């Protein structure tokens, strides 16, 4: 899920951005994809892959998804997990929030079409914890439409976009940039459908196995 997460803490900004050079999508085909990112806290390191945050938790009031579809209208189910171990099952985890997104833009007259959609969650904000002891949050995406041509856009490219680009934690803030989200690993987890549950990636070179 090419992804961006907004925050609200003494104002607003972008907490996480994984939108770098999307060029393809991955079909859900009835499966659930689970991916991860890092919520930077005040104790997070300041190094080549991380910048410190400004709080120990954040109230999230919006997020962005990108997907392709061949359906006239589209439905996705999205959940967020405040603490997540990368490339593991989300079964048994209590989500910080879950959303059933119905009536999303579809293919229209084209055989298939790709969209980037901003979701306003100001009416039902949720909290994600942050800090070195809670280095990653998780999110999942699925759809009740078992199409072979519907799924999230693949995103992230470490050699092209820095981990903090596009976020409010960039030393030189430019929210128009695309980033390869902090804590995003080159792998993701699949479960809940016809695909054998487990950890997957795209060969380790290209593309980056995130959404």
N, C-alpha and C. Protein backbone atom coordinates (compact mmCIF):
# COMPACT_ATOMS: atom_id res chain seq x y z
N UNK A 1 0.83 -1.17 0.00
CA UNK A 1 0.00 0.00 0.00
C UNK A 1 0.87 1.22 0.00
N UNK A 2 1.57 1.57 -1.18
CA UNK A 2 1.99 2.95 -1.23
C UNK A 2 1.24 3.64 -0.11
N UNK A 3 1.89 4.30 0.85
CA UNK A 3 1.23 4.73 2.07
C UNK A 3 1.80 6.02 2.60
N UNK A 4 0.93 6.81 3.17
CA UNK A 4 1.33 8.01 3.89
C UNK A 4 0.39 8.12 5.08
N UNK A 5 0.94 8.45 6.26
CA UNK A 5 0.15 8.56 7.47
C UNK A 5 0.31 9.95 8.03
N UNK A 6 -0.81 10.62 8.26
CA UNK A 6 -0.78 11.95 8.83
C UNK A 6 -0.81 11.86 10.35
N UNK A 7 -0.42 12.96 11.01
CA UNK A 7 -0.41 12.96 12.46
C UNK A 7 -1.04 14.24 12.97
N UNK A 8 -1.39 14.25 14.24
CA UNK A 8 -1.85 15.45 14.89
C UNK A 8 -1.21 15.51 16.27
N UNK A 9 -0.24 16.37 16.44
CA UNK A 9 0.43 16.55 17.74
C UNK A 9 0.97 17.97 17.75
N UNK A 10 0.33 18.82 18.54
CA UNK A 10 0.66 20.25 18.57
C UNK A 10 0.65 20.82 17.15
N UNK A 11 -0.38 20.45 16.39
CA UNK A 11 -0.45 20.84 15.00
C UNK A 11 -0.59 19.58 14.17
N UNK A 12 -0.24 19.67 12.91
CA UNK A 12 -0.37 18.50 12.05
C UNK A 12 0.82 18.39 11.13
N UNK A 13 1.00 17.21 10.57
CA UNK A 13 2.11 16.97 9.66
C UNK A 13 2.01 15.56 9.14
N UNK A 14 3.10 15.04 8.61
CA UNK A 14 3.13 13.69 8.07
C UNK A 14 4.09 12.85 8.91
N UNK A 15 3.57 11.77 9.47
CA UNK A 15 4.33 10.90 10.35
C UNK A 15 5.15 9.88 9.59
N UNK A 16 4.62 9.39 8.49
CA UNK A 16 5.24 8.28 7.75
C UNK A 16 4.92 8.46 6.28
N UNK A 17 5.91 8.22 5.42
CA UNK A 17 5.70 8.35 3.97
C UNK A 17 6.45 7.24 3.26
N UNK A 18 5.72 6.39 2.56
CA UNK A 18 6.32 5.35 1.72
C UNK A 18 5.64 5.43 0.36
N UNK A 19 6.09 6.39 -0.45
CA UNK A 19 5.46 6.65 -1.74
C UNK A 19 6.49 6.70 -2.87
N UNK A 20 7.70 6.23 -2.64
CA UNK A 20 8.79 6.43 -3.60
C UNK A 20 8.65 5.56 -4.84
N UNK A 21 8.55 6.19 -5.98
CA UNK A 21 8.60 5.58 -7.31
C UNK A 21 7.72 4.34 -7.46
N UNK A 22 6.43 4.49 -7.22
CA UNK A 22 5.57 3.34 -7.52
C UNK A 22 5.51 3.09 -9.01
N UNK A 23 5.50 1.83 -9.40
CA UNK A 23 5.48 1.51 -10.81
C UNK A 23 4.68 0.28 -11.16
N UNK A 24 4.15 -0.38 -10.12
CA UNK A 24 3.37 -1.61 -10.35
C UNK A 24 2.49 -1.85 -9.14
N UNK A 25 1.63 -2.86 -9.24
CA UNK A 25 0.80 -3.21 -8.10
C UNK A 25 0.85 -4.71 -7.89
N UNK A 26 0.38 -5.16 -6.74
CA UNK A 26 0.36 -6.58 -6.42
C UNK A 26 -1.08 -7.00 -6.14
N UNK A 27 -1.55 -8.02 -6.81
CA UNK A 27 -2.93 -8.45 -6.68
C UNK A 27 -3.19 -9.12 -5.34
N UNK A 28 -4.22 -8.67 -4.65
CA UNK A 28 -4.59 -9.29 -3.38
C UNK A 28 -5.19 -10.68 -3.58
N UNK A 29 -6.06 -10.82 -4.58
CA UNK A 29 -6.67 -12.12 -4.93
C UNK A 29 -7.26 -12.82 -3.72
N UNK A 30 -7.89 -12.05 -2.84
CA UNK A 30 -8.53 -12.63 -1.67
C UNK A 30 -7.65 -12.73 -0.45
N UNK A 31 -6.38 -12.39 -0.57
CA UNK A 31 -5.45 -12.45 0.56
C UNK A 31 -5.47 -11.15 1.37
N UNK A 32 -4.85 -11.19 2.54
CA UNK A 32 -4.57 -10.01 3.35
C UNK A 32 -3.08 -9.78 3.35
N UNK A 33 -2.66 -8.57 3.01
CA UNK A 33 -1.25 -8.18 3.07
C UNK A 33 -1.02 -7.40 4.37
N UNK A 34 0.10 -7.68 5.02
CA UNK A 34 0.48 -6.97 6.24
C UNK A 34 1.89 -6.43 6.05
N UNK A 35 2.05 -5.15 6.29
CA UNK A 35 3.34 -4.48 6.11
C UNK A 35 3.63 -3.65 7.35
N UNK A 36 4.78 -3.01 7.37
CA UNK A 36 5.22 -2.31 8.58
C UNK A 36 5.89 -0.98 8.25
N UNK A 37 6.04 -0.17 9.29
CA UNK A 37 6.77 1.09 9.21
C UNK A 37 7.23 1.46 10.60
N UNK A 38 7.96 2.56 10.68
CA UNK A 38 8.46 3.01 11.98
C UNK A 38 7.82 4.33 12.35
N UNK A 39 7.32 4.39 13.58
CA UNK A 39 6.83 5.63 14.15
C UNK A 39 7.97 6.24 14.96
N UNK A 40 8.57 7.35 14.50
CA UNK A 40 9.74 7.88 15.20
C UNK A 40 9.36 8.56 16.52
N UNK A 41 9.98 8.11 17.60
CA UNK A 41 9.75 8.70 18.91
C UNK A 41 10.89 9.59 19.34
N UNK A 42 10.78 10.17 20.50
CA UNK A 42 11.82 11.07 21.00
C UNK A 42 13.13 10.34 21.26
N UNK A 43 13.07 9.02 21.47
CA UNK A 43 14.28 8.24 21.72
C UNK A 43 14.78 7.51 20.48
N UNK A 44 14.13 7.73 19.33
CA UNK A 44 14.57 7.08 18.10
C UNK A 44 15.94 7.62 17.67
N UNK A 45 16.78 6.77 17.07
CA UNK A 45 18.12 7.22 16.70
C UNK A 45 18.11 8.24 15.57
N UNK A 46 19.19 9.01 15.53
CA UNK A 46 19.41 9.97 14.45
C UNK A 46 20.58 9.44 13.63
N UNK A 47 20.28 8.66 12.58
CA UNK A 47 21.33 8.03 11.80
C UNK A 47 20.92 7.96 10.33
N UNK A 48 21.50 7.06 9.57
CA UNK A 48 21.27 7.00 8.13
C UNK A 48 19.90 6.45 7.75
N UNK A 49 19.21 5.82 8.69
CA UNK A 49 17.90 5.24 8.37
C UNK A 49 16.79 5.77 9.27
N UNK A 50 17.11 6.69 10.17
CA UNK A 50 16.10 7.14 11.12
C UNK A 50 16.37 8.57 11.56
N UNK A 51 15.32 9.25 11.94
CA UNK A 51 15.40 10.53 12.60
C UNK A 51 14.53 10.48 13.85
N UNK A 52 14.88 11.23 14.89
CA UNK A 52 14.04 11.23 16.09
C UNK A 52 12.71 11.92 15.83
N UNK A 53 11.70 11.51 16.58
CA UNK A 53 10.39 12.13 16.49
C UNK A 53 10.24 13.23 17.53
N UNK A 54 8.99 13.62 17.76
CA UNK A 54 8.73 14.72 18.68
C UNK A 54 7.76 14.33 19.78
N UNK A 55 7.41 13.04 19.87
CA UNK A 55 6.46 12.59 20.88
C UNK A 55 6.64 11.10 21.11
N UNK A 56 6.02 10.58 22.15
CA UNK A 56 6.05 9.14 22.42
C UNK A 56 4.81 8.43 21.89
N UNK A 57 3.86 9.20 21.39
CA UNK A 57 2.70 8.64 20.69
C UNK A 57 2.10 9.75 19.84
N UNK A 58 1.30 9.35 18.86
CA UNK A 58 0.72 10.31 17.94
C UNK A 58 -0.75 9.98 17.69
N UNK A 59 -1.56 11.02 17.59
CA UNK A 59 -2.95 10.87 17.21
C UNK A 59 -3.04 11.01 15.69
N UNK A 60 -3.42 9.94 15.03
CA UNK A 60 -3.44 9.90 13.57
C UNK A 60 -4.84 10.26 13.09
N UNK A 61 -4.92 11.26 12.21
CA UNK A 61 -6.23 11.72 11.76
C UNK A 61 -6.41 11.61 10.25
N UNK A 62 -5.54 10.84 9.59
CA UNK A 62 -5.72 10.62 8.17
C UNK A 62 -4.64 9.73 7.61
N UNK A 63 -4.92 9.09 6.50
CA UNK A 63 -3.91 8.28 5.82
C UNK A 63 -4.22 8.24 4.33
N UNK A 64 -3.25 7.78 3.57
CA UNK A 64 -3.35 7.74 2.12
C UNK A 64 -3.03 6.34 1.63
N UNK A 65 -3.82 5.86 0.67
CA UNK A 65 -3.52 4.57 0.05
C UNK A 65 -3.46 4.74 -1.46
N UNK A 66 -2.74 3.85 -2.11
CA UNK A 66 -2.69 3.82 -3.58
C UNK A 66 -2.94 2.39 -4.02
N UNK A 67 -3.76 2.23 -5.05
CA UNK A 67 -4.15 0.89 -5.49
C UNK A 67 -4.50 0.93 -6.97
N UNK A 68 -4.54 -0.26 -7.57
CA UNK A 68 -5.06 -0.43 -8.92
C UNK A 68 -6.23 -1.41 -8.86
N UNK A 69 -7.17 -1.26 -9.79
CA UNK A 69 -8.35 -2.10 -9.75
C UNK A 69 -8.98 -2.24 -11.13
N UNK A 70 -9.69 -3.35 -11.31
CA UNK A 70 -10.51 -3.52 -12.51
C UNK A 70 -11.98 -3.55 -12.15
N UNK A 71 -12.32 -3.18 -10.91
CA UNK A 71 -13.69 -3.20 -10.44
C UNK A 71 -14.36 -1.83 -10.67
N UNK A 72 -15.67 -1.81 -10.94
CA UNK A 72 -16.36 -0.53 -11.15
C UNK A 72 -16.27 0.40 -9.94
N UNK A 73 -16.45 -0.14 -8.76
CA UNK A 73 -16.16 0.55 -7.50
C UNK A 73 -15.37 -0.40 -6.63
N UNK A 74 -14.71 0.15 -5.63
CA UNK A 74 -13.72 -0.64 -4.91
C UNK A 74 -13.96 -0.59 -3.41
N UNK A 75 -13.70 -1.71 -2.75
CA UNK A 75 -13.78 -1.79 -1.30
C UNK A 75 -12.48 -2.37 -0.76
N UNK A 76 -11.92 -1.69 0.25
CA UNK A 76 -10.75 -2.21 0.95
C UNK A 76 -11.00 -2.19 2.45
N UNK A 77 -10.43 -3.16 3.15
CA UNK A 77 -10.42 -3.18 4.60
C UNK A 77 -8.99 -2.89 5.05
N UNK A 78 -8.83 -1.88 5.89
CA UNK A 78 -7.49 -1.49 6.38
C UNK A 78 -7.49 -1.47 7.90
N UNK A 79 -6.44 -2.02 8.48
CA UNK A 79 -6.24 -1.97 9.93
C UNK A 79 -4.84 -1.49 10.25
N UNK A 80 -4.69 -0.83 11.40
CA UNK A 80 -3.39 -0.36 11.88
C UNK A 80 -3.11 -0.96 13.24
N UNK A 81 -1.84 -1.33 13.46
CA UNK A 81 -1.42 -1.96 14.72
C UNK A 81 -0.30 -1.13 15.33
N UNK A 82 -0.48 -0.74 16.59
CA UNK A 82 0.46 0.17 17.21
C UNK A 82 1.82 -0.46 17.43
N UNK A 83 1.85 -1.78 17.63
CA UNK A 83 3.11 -2.50 17.82
C UNK A 83 3.06 -3.76 16.97
N UNK A 84 4.09 -3.94 16.12
CA UNK A 84 4.06 -5.05 15.17
C UNK A 84 5.48 -5.54 14.92
N UNK A 85 5.67 -6.85 14.96
CA UNK A 85 6.94 -7.47 14.62
C UNK A 85 6.94 -7.78 13.13
N UNK A 86 7.94 -7.26 12.42
CA UNK A 86 7.93 -7.33 10.96
C UNK A 86 7.77 -8.75 10.44
N UNK A 87 6.98 -8.84 9.37
CA UNK A 87 6.74 -10.09 8.65
C UNK A 87 6.23 -11.21 9.53
N UNK A 88 5.21 -10.90 10.32
CA UNK A 88 4.54 -11.90 11.15
C UNK A 88 3.03 -11.76 10.95
N UNK A 89 2.30 -12.76 11.39
CA UNK A 89 0.85 -12.74 11.30
C UNK A 89 0.27 -11.65 12.19
N UNK A 90 -0.86 -11.09 11.74
CA UNK A 90 -1.60 -10.13 12.57
C UNK A 90 -2.74 -10.81 13.32
N UNK A 91 -2.92 -12.10 13.11
CA UNK A 91 -3.98 -12.83 13.82
C UNK A 91 -3.70 -12.78 15.32
N UNK A 92 -4.68 -12.37 16.08
CA UNK A 92 -4.54 -12.26 17.52
C UNK A 92 -4.13 -10.88 17.99
N UNK A 93 -3.68 -10.02 17.08
CA UNK A 93 -3.33 -8.65 17.45
C UNK A 93 -4.59 -7.78 17.50
N UNK A 94 -4.63 -6.88 18.46
CA UNK A 94 -5.74 -5.94 18.57
C UNK A 94 -5.38 -4.68 17.79
N UNK A 95 -6.12 -4.36 16.75
CA UNK A 95 -5.77 -3.18 15.97
C UNK A 95 -6.03 -1.89 16.74
N UNK A 96 -5.20 -0.88 16.47
CA UNK A 96 -5.46 0.45 17.01
C UNK A 96 -6.67 1.06 16.33
N UNK A 97 -6.90 0.66 15.07
CA UNK A 97 -8.06 1.13 14.33
C UNK A 97 -8.28 0.23 13.12
N UNK A 98 -9.52 0.11 12.69
CA UNK A 98 -9.87 -0.63 11.49
C UNK A 98 -10.87 0.19 10.70
N UNK A 99 -10.74 0.12 9.37
CA UNK A 99 -11.60 0.91 8.49
C UNK A 99 -12.11 0.02 7.36
N UNK A 100 -13.39 0.11 7.08
CA UNK A 100 -13.99 -0.51 5.90
C UNK A 100 -14.24 0.62 4.91
N UNK A 101 -13.45 0.65 3.85
CA UNK A 101 -13.49 1.74 2.88
C UNK A 101 -14.30 1.28 1.67
N UNK A 102 -15.52 1.76 1.56
CA UNK A 102 -16.41 1.36 0.48
C UNK A 102 -16.60 2.51 -0.51
N UNK A 103 -17.04 2.17 -1.70
CA UNK A 103 -17.34 3.19 -2.69
C UNK A 103 -16.14 3.94 -3.21
N UNK A 104 -14.95 3.33 -3.12
CA UNK A 104 -13.74 3.98 -3.61
C UNK A 104 -13.74 3.98 -5.14
N UNK A 105 -12.99 4.90 -5.75
CA UNK A 105 -12.97 4.96 -7.22
C UNK A 105 -12.53 3.64 -7.84
N UNK A 106 -13.16 3.31 -8.96
CA UNK A 106 -12.86 2.05 -9.64
C UNK A 106 -12.26 2.27 -11.01
N UNK A 107 -12.47 1.32 -11.88
CA UNK A 107 -11.82 1.33 -13.19
C UNK A 107 -12.49 2.25 -14.18
N UNK A 108 -13.80 2.56 -13.98
CA UNK A 108 -14.52 3.37 -14.96
C UNK A 108 -14.60 2.64 -16.29
N UNK A 109 -14.47 3.36 -17.39
CA UNK A 109 -14.57 2.69 -18.70
C UNK A 109 -13.30 1.93 -19.09
N UNK A 110 -12.20 2.14 -18.34
CA UNK A 110 -10.94 1.47 -18.67
C UNK A 110 -10.94 0.04 -18.13
N UNK A 111 -10.15 -0.87 -18.74
CA UNK A 111 -10.04 -2.24 -18.20
C UNK A 111 -9.55 -2.24 -16.75
N UNK A 112 -8.64 -1.33 -16.42
CA UNK A 112 -8.16 -1.19 -15.05
C UNK A 112 -7.65 0.23 -14.88
N UNK A 113 -7.56 0.68 -13.63
CA UNK A 113 -7.13 2.05 -13.36
C UNK A 113 -6.50 2.10 -11.98
N UNK A 114 -5.57 3.02 -11.79
CA UNK A 114 -4.88 3.17 -10.51
C UNK A 114 -5.24 4.51 -9.87
N UNK A 115 -5.36 4.49 -8.56
CA UNK A 115 -5.77 5.67 -7.82
C UNK A 115 -4.90 5.88 -6.58
N UNK A 116 -4.76 7.13 -6.17
CA UNK A 116 -4.25 7.49 -4.86
C UNK A 116 -5.37 8.21 -4.13
N UNK A 117 -5.72 7.73 -2.94
CA UNK A 117 -6.89 8.24 -2.23
C UNK A 117 -6.48 8.66 -0.81
N UNK A 118 -6.91 9.84 -0.41
CA UNK A 118 -6.69 10.32 0.95
C UNK A 118 -7.91 10.00 1.80
N UNK A 119 -7.69 9.38 2.94
CA UNK A 119 -8.77 8.99 3.86
C UNK A 119 -8.76 9.95 5.05
N UNK A 120 -9.84 10.67 5.25
CA UNK A 120 -9.97 11.59 6.37
C UNK A 120 -10.49 10.82 7.58
N UNK A 121 -9.64 10.66 8.59
CA UNK A 121 -10.02 9.93 9.80
C UNK A 121 -10.17 10.88 10.99
N UNK A 122 -10.39 12.17 10.73
CA UNK A 122 -10.49 13.15 11.82
C UNK A 122 -11.67 12.85 12.73
N UNK A 123 -12.71 12.22 12.18
CA UNK A 123 -13.85 11.88 13.00
C UNK A 123 -13.63 10.67 13.88
N UNK A 124 -12.61 9.88 13.57
CA UNK A 124 -12.29 8.69 14.37
C UNK A 124 -10.77 8.52 14.43
N UNK A 125 -10.06 9.48 15.02
CA UNK A 125 -8.60 9.38 15.09
C UNK A 125 -8.16 8.21 15.96
N UNK A 126 -6.95 7.73 15.71
CA UNK A 126 -6.42 6.63 16.51
C UNK A 126 -4.99 6.93 16.89
N UNK A 127 -4.49 6.24 17.91
CA UNK A 127 -3.18 6.54 18.47
C UNK A 127 -2.20 5.44 18.10
N UNK A 128 -1.01 5.85 17.63
CA UNK A 128 0.11 4.93 17.42
C UNK A 128 1.22 5.31 18.39
N UNK A 129 1.72 4.31 19.10
CA UNK A 129 2.83 4.54 20.03
C UNK A 129 4.14 4.71 19.26
N UNK A 130 5.13 5.29 19.93
CA UNK A 130 6.42 5.53 19.29
C UNK A 130 7.53 5.30 20.31
N UNK A 131 8.76 5.17 19.80
CA UNK A 131 9.91 5.04 20.68
C UNK A 131 10.78 3.86 20.31
N UNK A 132 11.97 3.82 20.88
CA UNK A 132 12.93 2.77 20.56
C UNK A 132 12.47 1.40 21.04
N UNK A 133 11.61 1.35 22.09
CA UNK A 133 11.12 0.07 22.57
C UNK A 133 9.91 -0.40 21.76
N UNK A 134 9.38 0.45 20.90
CA UNK A 134 8.25 0.09 20.05
C UNK A 134 8.58 0.56 18.63
N UNK A 135 9.54 -0.11 17.97
CA UNK A 135 10.11 0.46 16.76
C UNK A 135 9.23 0.42 15.53
N UNK A 136 8.20 -0.43 15.52
CA UNK A 136 7.41 -0.55 14.29
C UNK A 136 5.91 -0.58 14.57
N UNK A 137 5.17 0.07 13.69
CA UNK A 137 3.73 -0.14 13.64
C UNK A 137 3.44 -1.05 12.44
N UNK A 138 2.26 -1.61 12.40
CA UNK A 138 1.88 -2.47 11.29
C UNK A 138 0.56 -2.02 10.70
N UNK A 139 0.32 -2.41 9.47
CA UNK A 139 -0.98 -2.15 8.84
C UNK A 139 -1.30 -3.31 7.91
N UNK A 140 -2.58 -3.51 7.69
CA UNK A 140 -3.02 -4.58 6.80
C UNK A 140 -4.02 -4.04 5.80
N UNK A 141 -4.09 -4.70 4.66
CA UNK A 141 -5.06 -4.34 3.63
C UNK A 141 -5.60 -5.62 2.99
N UNK A 142 -6.90 -5.65 2.80
CA UNK A 142 -7.56 -6.76 2.12
C UNK A 142 -8.79 -6.22 1.40
N UNK A 143 -9.43 -7.07 0.63
CA UNK A 143 -10.63 -6.67 -0.08
C UNK A 143 -11.56 -7.87 -0.20
N UNK A 144 -12.86 -7.65 -0.06
CA UNK A 144 -13.80 -8.76 -0.28
C UNK A 144 -13.98 -9.07 -1.76
N UNK A 145 -13.39 -8.27 -2.64
CA UNK A 145 -13.48 -8.48 -4.08
C UNK A 145 -12.25 -9.30 -4.52
N UNK A 146 -12.42 -10.59 -4.84
CA UNK A 146 -11.27 -11.47 -5.09
C UNK A 146 -10.72 -11.35 -6.51
N UNK A 147 -10.53 -10.13 -6.97
CA UNK A 147 -10.06 -9.91 -8.34
C UNK A 147 -8.57 -10.21 -8.47
N UNK A 148 -8.18 -10.69 -9.65
CA UNK A 148 -6.77 -10.89 -9.95
C UNK A 148 -6.10 -9.61 -10.41
N UNK A 149 -6.88 -8.53 -10.53
CA UNK A 149 -6.34 -7.26 -11.02
C UNK A 149 -6.67 -6.13 -10.06
N UNK A 150 -6.61 -6.42 -8.78
CA UNK A 150 -6.86 -5.39 -7.77
C UNK A 150 -5.92 -5.58 -6.60
N UNK A 151 -5.24 -4.52 -6.22
CA UNK A 151 -4.36 -4.60 -5.07
C UNK A 151 -3.56 -3.33 -4.88
N UNK A 152 -2.77 -3.27 -3.81
CA UNK A 152 -2.02 -2.06 -3.48
C UNK A 152 -0.83 -1.84 -4.40
N UNK A 153 -0.48 -0.58 -4.56
CA UNK A 153 0.67 -0.19 -5.38
C UNK A 153 1.96 -0.48 -4.61
N UNK A 154 2.93 -1.07 -5.30
CA UNK A 154 4.24 -1.36 -4.72
C UNK A 154 5.03 -0.05 -4.63
N UNK A 155 5.67 0.21 -3.49
CA UNK A 155 6.38 1.48 -3.31
C UNK A 155 7.60 1.28 -2.42
N UNK A 156 8.52 2.25 -2.51
CA UNK A 156 9.75 2.24 -1.72
C UNK A 156 10.96 1.91 -2.57
N UNK A 157 11.98 2.75 -2.45
CA UNK A 157 13.22 2.51 -3.16
C UNK A 157 14.34 3.24 -2.41
N UNK A 158 15.14 2.46 -1.68
CA UNK A 158 16.11 3.05 -0.76
C UNK A 158 17.17 3.89 -1.45
N UNK A 159 17.54 3.53 -2.67
CA UNK A 159 18.59 4.28 -3.36
C UNK A 159 18.10 5.59 -3.97
N UNK A 160 16.78 5.79 -3.96
CA UNK A 160 16.22 6.98 -4.59
C UNK A 160 15.61 7.96 -3.59
N UNK A 161 15.06 7.46 -2.50
CA UNK A 161 14.36 8.31 -1.53
C UNK A 161 14.83 7.95 -0.12
N UNK A 162 15.11 8.97 0.67
CA UNK A 162 15.54 8.72 2.04
C UNK A 162 14.36 8.30 2.91
N UNK A 163 14.71 7.67 4.01
CA UNK A 163 13.69 7.10 4.88
C UNK A 163 12.74 8.15 5.47
N UNK A 164 13.22 9.35 5.67
CA UNK A 164 12.42 10.38 6.30
C UNK A 164 11.87 11.40 5.31
N UNK A 165 12.18 11.23 4.03
CA UNK A 165 11.66 12.17 3.03
C UNK A 165 10.13 12.17 3.05
N UNK A 166 9.55 13.33 2.85
CA UNK A 166 8.11 13.46 2.81
C UNK A 166 7.45 13.52 4.16
N UNK A 167 8.24 13.47 5.25
CA UNK A 167 7.67 13.52 6.59
C UNK A 167 8.04 14.82 7.30
N UNK A 168 7.40 15.03 8.43
CA UNK A 168 7.69 16.21 9.24
C UNK A 168 8.98 16.08 10.02
N UNK A 169 9.67 14.94 9.91
CA UNK A 169 10.91 14.72 10.66
C UNK A 169 12.14 14.87 9.78
N UNK A 170 11.96 15.23 8.54
CA UNK A 170 13.08 15.54 7.64
C UNK A 170 13.77 16.79 8.16
N UNK A 171 15.12 16.80 8.25
CA UNK A 171 15.82 18.01 8.69
C UNK A 171 15.45 19.24 7.85
N UNK A 172 15.19 19.03 6.58
CA UNK A 172 14.66 20.09 5.71
C UNK A 172 13.30 19.60 5.22
N UNK A 173 12.23 20.04 5.88
CA UNK A 173 10.91 19.47 5.62
C UNK A 173 10.42 19.87 4.24
N UNK A 174 10.04 18.85 3.46
CA UNK A 174 9.44 19.05 2.15
C UNK A 174 8.40 17.96 1.97
N UNK A 175 7.17 18.27 2.31
CA UNK A 175 6.11 17.25 2.28
C UNK A 175 5.72 16.86 0.87
N UNK A 176 6.24 17.55 -0.12
CA UNK A 176 5.98 17.18 -1.51
C UNK A 176 6.90 16.06 -1.98
N UNK A 177 7.94 15.76 -1.20
CA UNK A 177 8.86 14.68 -1.56
C UNK A 177 8.21 13.32 -1.38
N UNK A 178 8.78 12.32 -2.02
CA UNK A 178 8.39 10.93 -1.79
C UNK A 178 9.47 10.26 -0.95
N UNK A 179 9.06 9.45 0.01
CA UNK A 179 10.01 8.78 0.89
C UNK A 179 9.91 7.28 0.82
N UNK A 180 10.93 6.62 1.37
CA UNK A 180 10.90 5.18 1.62
C UNK A 180 10.81 5.03 3.13
N UNK A 181 9.61 4.82 3.64
CA UNK A 181 9.27 4.98 5.04
C UNK A 181 10.24 4.39 6.05
N UNK A 182 10.43 5.12 7.13
CA UNK A 182 11.29 4.64 8.22
C UNK A 182 10.78 3.29 8.73
N UNK A 183 11.72 2.37 8.91
CA UNK A 183 11.38 1.06 9.43
C UNK A 183 10.74 0.11 8.44
N UNK A 184 10.59 0.54 7.20
CA UNK A 184 9.98 -0.31 6.19
C UNK A 184 10.99 -1.35 5.71
N UNK A 185 10.61 -2.62 5.81
CA UNK A 185 11.51 -3.72 5.43
C UNK A 185 11.19 -4.20 4.03
N UNK A 186 12.16 -4.83 3.40
CA UNK A 186 12.02 -5.34 2.04
C UNK A 186 11.35 -6.72 2.07
N UNK A 187 10.14 -6.75 2.67
CA UNK A 187 9.36 -7.98 2.79
C UNK A 187 8.00 -7.63 3.34
N UNK A 188 7.05 -8.56 3.21
CA UNK A 188 5.71 -8.37 3.75
C UNK A 188 5.11 -9.73 4.04
N UNK A 189 4.00 -9.75 4.77
CA UNK A 189 3.37 -11.01 5.18
C UNK A 189 2.02 -11.16 4.48
N UNK A 190 1.71 -12.39 4.06
CA UNK A 190 0.43 -12.70 3.44
C UNK A 190 -0.28 -13.77 4.27
N UNK A 191 -1.59 -13.57 4.47
CA UNK A 191 -2.40 -14.57 5.16
C UNK A 191 -3.87 -14.34 4.82
N UNK A 192 -4.70 -15.29 5.24
CA UNK A 192 -6.14 -15.11 5.17
C UNK A 192 -6.78 -15.41 3.84
N UNK A 193 -6.02 -15.92 2.86
CA UNK A 193 -6.59 -16.22 1.55
C UNK A 193 -6.07 -17.53 1.02
N UNK A 194 -6.01 -17.63 -0.30
CA UNK A 194 -5.58 -18.88 -0.94
C UNK A 194 -4.06 -19.04 -0.97
N UNK A 195 -3.32 -17.95 -0.82
CA UNK A 195 -1.85 -18.02 -0.81
C UNK A 195 -1.36 -18.63 0.49
N UNK A 196 -0.34 -19.47 0.42
CA UNK A 196 0.24 -20.06 1.63
C UNK A 196 0.72 -18.95 2.55
N UNK A 197 0.26 -18.91 3.81
CA UNK A 197 0.67 -17.84 4.72
C UNK A 197 2.19 -17.82 4.90
N UNK A 198 2.75 -16.62 4.96
CA UNK A 198 4.18 -16.51 5.18
C UNK A 198 4.73 -15.17 4.76
N UNK A 199 6.05 -15.09 4.85
CA UNK A 199 6.80 -13.87 4.55
C UNK A 199 7.22 -13.90 3.08
N UNK A 200 6.97 -12.80 2.37
CA UNK A 200 7.24 -12.75 0.93
C UNK A 200 8.06 -11.51 0.57
N UNK A 201 8.79 -11.63 -0.54
CA UNK A 201 9.48 -10.47 -1.12
C UNK A 201 9.62 -10.74 -2.61
N UNK A 202 10.20 -9.77 -3.34
CA UNK A 202 10.23 -9.83 -4.80
C UNK A 202 11.62 -10.16 -5.34
N UNK A 203 12.38 -10.97 -4.64
CA UNK A 203 13.68 -11.38 -5.14
C UNK A 203 14.85 -10.61 -4.55
N UNK A 204 14.57 -9.61 -3.73
CA UNK A 204 15.63 -8.94 -3.00
C UNK A 204 16.34 -7.82 -3.73
N UNK A 205 15.99 -7.54 -4.98
CA UNK A 205 16.68 -6.49 -5.74
C UNK A 205 15.67 -5.42 -6.15
N UNK A 206 14.73 -5.77 -6.98
CA UNK A 206 13.77 -4.82 -7.48
C UNK A 206 12.51 -5.59 -7.90
N UNK A 207 11.30 -5.14 -7.51
CA UNK A 207 11.06 -3.94 -6.73
C UNK A 207 11.22 -4.17 -5.24
N UNK A 208 11.21 -3.08 -4.50
CA UNK A 208 11.23 -3.12 -3.04
C UNK A 208 9.90 -3.71 -2.56
N UNK A 209 9.95 -4.67 -1.66
CA UNK A 209 8.77 -5.42 -1.26
C UNK A 209 8.02 -4.69 -0.14
N UNK A 210 7.39 -3.61 -0.53
CA UNK A 210 6.56 -2.84 0.39
C UNK A 210 5.49 -2.15 -0.44
N UNK A 211 4.57 -1.48 0.22
CA UNK A 211 3.42 -0.94 -0.50
C UNK A 211 3.17 0.50 -0.14
